[in-house]
């Protein structure tokens, strides 16, 4: 006697779950997607970018999607970024040395100065020209 009621309750719960999931189904242009799994970017030719399982919303760069904690988009090109003492930087232009940012062309630190080893040396925390 209880079996039909339990079965009916299970079917109602399943139908309700499917209806709720169906509500989160949207369209990005002609592509169907779930709003809890993707973000639609109409200005990028209806590009669908994923939302990671940790909740990171990937961003568009041209027709690519990227994780903003690892890249940035400059003039439609992906540029890798890093963090140095909490500061975000472009890995193509800077290096992080002991939590201090230096341009790639001056990849050494002496005190609070960045320098090129072919031009200077660090003696007791002070730069000395070679």
C-alpha atoms as a PDB file:
ATOM      1  CA  UNK A   1       0.000   0.000   0.000  1.00  0.00           C
ATOM      2  CA  UNK A   2       2.883   2.391   0.689  1.00  0.00           C
ATOM      3  CA  UNK A   3       4.827   1.460  -2.446  1.00  0.00           C
ATOM      4  CA  UNK A   4       2.642   3.417  -4.937  1.00  0.00           C
ATOM      5  CA  UNK A   5       2.802   6.545  -2.724  1.00  0.00           C
ATOM      6  CA  UNK A   6       6.597   6.337  -2.394  1.00  0.00           C
ATOM      7  CA  UNK A   7       6.903   5.761  -6.137  1.00  0.00           C
ATOM      8  CA  UNK A   8       4.603   8.708  -6.867  1.00  0.00           C
ATOM      9  CA  UNK A   9       6.576  10.943  -4.489  1.00  0.00           C
ATOM     10  CA  UNK A  10       9.842   9.941  -6.181  1.00  0.00           C
ATOM     11  CA  UNK A  11       8.430  10.720  -9.614  1.00  0.00           C
ATOM     12  CA  UNK A  12       7.196  14.132  -8.469  1.00  0.00           C
ATOM     13  CA  UNK A  13      10.600  14.943  -6.956  1.00  0.00           C
ATOM     14  CA  UNK A  14      12.372  13.843 -10.149  1.00  0.00           C
ATOM     15  CA  UNK A  15      10.018  15.902 -12.329  1.00  0.00           C
ATOM     16  CA  UNK A  16      10.497  18.952 -10.083  1.00  0.00           C
ATOM     17  CA  UNK A  17      14.273  18.560 -10.265  1.00  0.00           C
ATOM     18  CA  UNK A  18      14.166  18.313 -14.069  1.00  0.00           C
ATOM     19  CA  UNK A  19      11.904  21.376 -14.252  1.00  0.00           C
ATOM     20  CA  UNK A  20      14.302  23.411 -12.093  1.00  0.00           C
ATOM     21  CA  UNK A  21      17.267  22.362 -14.192  1.00  0.00           C
ATOM     22  CA  UNK A  22      15.325  23.189 -17.354  1.00  0.00           C
ATOM     23  CA  UNK A  23      14.744  26.721 -15.997  1.00  0.00           C
ATOM     24  CA  UNK A  24      18.503  27.317 -15.783  1.00  0.00           C
ATOM     25  CA  UNK A  25      18.848  26.326 -19.455  1.00  0.00           C
ATOM     26  CA  UNK A  26      19.432  29.462 -21.515  1.00  0.00           C
ATOM     27  CA  UNK A  27      20.575  30.208 -25.044  1.00  0.00           C
ATOM     28  CA  UNK A  28      23.727  31.974 -26.106  1.00  0.00           C
ATOM     29  CA  UNK A  29      22.919  32.738 -29.704  1.00  0.00           C
ATOM     30  CA  UNK A  30      21.711  29.318 -30.830  1.00  0.00           C
ATOM     31  CA  UNK A  31      23.722  27.323 -28.295  1.00  0.00           C
ATOM     32  CA  UNK A  32      21.872  25.995 -25.245  1.00  0.00           C
ATOM     33  CA  UNK A  33      23.785  26.178 -21.955  1.00  0.00           C
ATOM     34  CA  UNK A  34      23.262  25.928 -18.210  1.00  0.00           C
ATOM     35  CA  UNK A  35      23.830  29.209 -16.397  1.00  0.00           C
ATOM     36  CA  UNK A  36      25.451  27.466 -13.446  1.00  0.00           C
ATOM     37  CA  UNK A  37      28.117  25.934 -15.729  1.00  0.00           C
ATOM     38  CA  UNK A  38      28.781  28.603 -18.377  1.00  0.00           C
ATOM     39  CA  UNK A  39      28.695  32.351 -18.983  1.00  0.00           C
ATOM     40  CA  UNK A  40      27.563  33.771 -22.323  1.00  0.00           C
ATOM     41  CA  UNK A  41      29.481  36.678 -23.868  1.00  0.00           C
ATOM     42  CA  UNK A  42      27.323  38.083 -26.710  1.00  0.00           C
ATOM     43  CA  UNK A  43      29.935  40.764 -27.564  1.00  0.00           C
ATOM     44  CA  UNK A  44      32.432  37.965 -28.284  1.00  0.00           C
ATOM     45  CA  UNK A  45      30.318  36.290 -30.968  1.00  0.00           C
ATOM     46  CA  UNK A  46      28.212  34.446 -28.360  1.00  0.00           C
ATOM     47  CA  UNK A  47      31.240  32.814 -26.779  1.00  0.00           C
ATOM     48  CA  UNK A  48      30.438  30.383 -23.969  1.00  0.00           C
ATOM     49  CA  UNK A  49      33.040  30.301 -21.208  1.00  0.00           C
ATOM     50  CA  UNK A  50      33.018  27.755 -18.394  1.00  0.00           C
ATOM     51  CA  UNK A  51      32.540  28.310 -14.686  1.00  0.00           C
ATOM     52  CA  UNK A  52      34.988  26.075 -12.820  1.00  0.00           C
ATOM     53  CA  UNK A  53      33.904  23.708 -10.074  1.00  0.00           C
ATOM     54  CA  UNK A  54      35.488  26.149  -7.579  1.00  0.00           C
ATOM     55  CA  UNK A  55      33.312  28.982  -8.950  1.00  0.00           C
ATOM     56  CA  UNK A  56      35.883  30.817 -11.115  1.00  0.00           C
ATOM     57  CA  UNK A  57      34.124  32.506 -14.023  1.00  0.00           C
ATOM     58  CA  UNK A  58      36.379  32.250 -17.061  1.00  0.00           C
ATOM     59  CA  UNK A  59      36.638  35.493 -19.038  1.00  0.00           C
ATOM     60  CA  UNK A  60      36.662  36.051 -22.810  1.00  0.00           C
ATOM     61  CA  UNK A  61      39.658  37.173 -24.844  1.00  0.00           C
ATOM     62  CA  UNK A  62      38.790  37.220 -28.516  1.00  0.00           C
ATOM     63  CA  UNK A  63      37.413  33.723 -29.091  1.00  0.00           C
ATOM     64  CA  UNK A  64      39.285  32.153 -26.152  1.00  0.00           C
ATOM     65  CA  UNK A  65      38.303  31.770 -22.504  1.00  0.00           C
ATOM     66  CA  UNK A  66      40.802  32.238 -19.707  1.00  0.00           C
ATOM     67  CA  UNK A  67      41.161  31.936 -15.952  1.00  0.00           C
ATOM     68  CA  UNK A  68      41.689  35.523 -14.716  1.00  0.00           C
ATOM     69  CA  UNK A  69      43.939  34.330 -11.887  1.00  0.00           C
ATOM     70  CA  UNK A  70      46.474  33.073 -14.468  1.00  0.00           C
ATOM     71  CA  UNK A  71      46.014  35.367 -17.474  1.00  0.00           C
ATOM     72  CA  UNK A  72      44.833  38.760 -18.575  1.00  0.00           C
ATOM     73  CA  UNK A  73      43.695  39.949 -21.998  1.00  0.00           C
ATOM     74  CA  UNK A  74      45.554  42.823 -23.639  1.00  0.00           C
ATOM     75  CA  UNK A  75      44.499  43.927 -27.128  1.00  0.00           C
ATOM     76  CA  UNK A  76      42.797  40.583 -27.725  1.00  0.00           C
ATOM     77  CA  UNK A  77      45.858  38.530 -26.699  1.00  0.00           C
ATOM     78  CA  UNK A  78      46.287  36.360 -23.622  1.00  0.00           C
ATOM     79  CA  UNK A  79      49.106  37.423 -21.316  1.00  0.00           C
ATOM     80  CA  UNK A  80      50.211  35.201 -18.415  1.00  0.00           C
ATOM     81  CA  UNK A  81      50.094  36.849 -15.005  1.00  0.00           C
ATOM     82  CA  UNK A  82      51.616  35.932 -11.692  1.00  0.00           C
ATOM     83  CA  UNK A  83      51.483  37.256  -8.164  1.00  0.00           C
ATOM     84  CA  UNK A  84      54.434  38.727  -6.355  1.00  0.00           C
ATOM     85  CA  UNK A  85      53.854  39.652  -2.731  1.00  0.00           C
ATOM     86  CA  UNK A  86      50.142  39.897  -3.546  1.00  0.00           C
ATOM     87  CA  UNK A  87      50.642  42.090  -6.622  1.00  0.00           C
ATOM     88  CA  UNK A  88      49.531  40.754 -10.026  1.00  0.00           C
ATOM     89  CA  UNK A  89      52.105  41.118 -12.798  1.00  0.00           C
ATOM     90  CA  UNK A  90      52.778  40.210 -16.428  1.00  0.00           C
ATOM     91  CA  UNK A  91      55.213  37.272 -16.542  1.00  0.00           C
ATOM     92  CA  UNK A  92      56.348  38.324 -20.027  1.00  0.00           C
ATOM     93  CA  UNK A  93      57.607  41.667 -18.691  1.00  0.00           C
ATOM     94  CA  UNK A  94      58.603  41.111 -15.041  1.00  0.00           C
ATOM     95  CA  UNK A  95      60.235  38.601 -12.713  1.00  0.00           C
ATOM     96  CA  UNK A  96      59.531  38.145  -9.028  1.00  0.00           C
ATOM     97  CA  UNK A  97      62.675  37.904  -6.902  1.00  0.00           C
ATOM     98  CA  UNK A  98      62.217  37.495  -3.146  1.00  0.00           C
ATOM     99  CA  UNK A  99      58.757  39.132  -3.381  1.00  0.00           C
ATOM    100  CA  UNK A 100      60.205  42.065  -5.343  1.00  0.00           C
ATOM    101  CA  UNK A 101      59.194  42.827  -8.964  1.00  0.00           C
ATOM    102  CA  UNK A 102      61.895  43.604 -11.492  1.00  0.00           C
ATOM    103  CA  UNK A 103      61.708  44.119 -15.255  1.00  0.00           C
ATOM    104  CA  UNK A 104      62.923  41.082 -17.195  1.00  0.00           C
ATOM    105  CA  UNK A 105      65.785  43.190 -18.556  1.00  0.00           C
ATOM    106  CA  UNK A 106      67.012  43.822 -14.954  1.00  0.00           C
ATOM    107  CA  UNK A 107      66.458  40.410 -13.320  1.00  0.00           C
ATOM    108  CA  UNK A 108      68.474  40.882 -10.113  1.00  0.00           C
ATOM    109  CA  UNK A 109      67.810  42.700  -6.838  1.00  0.00           C
ATOM    110  CA  UNK A 110      70.224  44.597  -4.637  1.00  0.00           C
ATOM    111  CA  UNK A 111      68.507  46.230  -1.682  1.00  0.00           C
ATOM    112  CA  UNK A 112      65.488  47.772  -3.394  1.00  0.00           C
ATOM    113  CA  UNK A 113      67.063  48.200  -6.816  1.00  0.00           C
ATOM    114  CA  UNK A 114      66.795  45.945  -9.845  1.00  0.00           C
ATOM    115  CA  UNK A 115      69.923  45.541 -11.919  1.00  0.00           C
ATOM    116  CA  UNK A 116      71.570  43.719 -14.794  1.00  0.00           C
ATOM    117  CA  UNK A 117      74.458  41.502 -13.656  1.00  0.00           C
ATOM    118  CA  UNK A 118      76.464  42.362 -16.776  1.00  0.00           C
ATOM    119  CA  UNK A 119      76.517  46.044 -15.709  1.00  0.00           C
ATOM    120  CA  UNK A 120      76.462  45.996 -11.892  1.00  0.00           C
ATOM    121  CA  UNK A 121      77.250  43.851  -8.911  1.00  0.00           C
ATOM    122  CA  UNK A 122      75.751  43.978  -5.443  1.00  0.00           C
ATOM    123  CA  UNK A 123      78.207  44.626  -2.622  1.00  0.00           C
ATOM    124  CA  UNK A 124      76.867  44.821   0.938  1.00  0.00           C
ATOM    125  CA  UNK A 125      73.392  45.726  -0.351  1.00  0.00           C
ATOM    126  CA  UNK A 126      74.699  48.513  -2.656  1.00  0.00           C
ATOM    127  CA  UNK A 127      75.117  48.540  -6.418  1.00  0.00           C
ATOM    128  CA  UNK A 128      78.611  48.893  -7.799  1.00  0.00           C
ATOM    129  CA  UNK A 129      79.129  49.471 -11.508  1.00  0.00           C
ATOM    130  CA  UNK A 130      81.362  46.924 -13.228  1.00  0.00           C
END
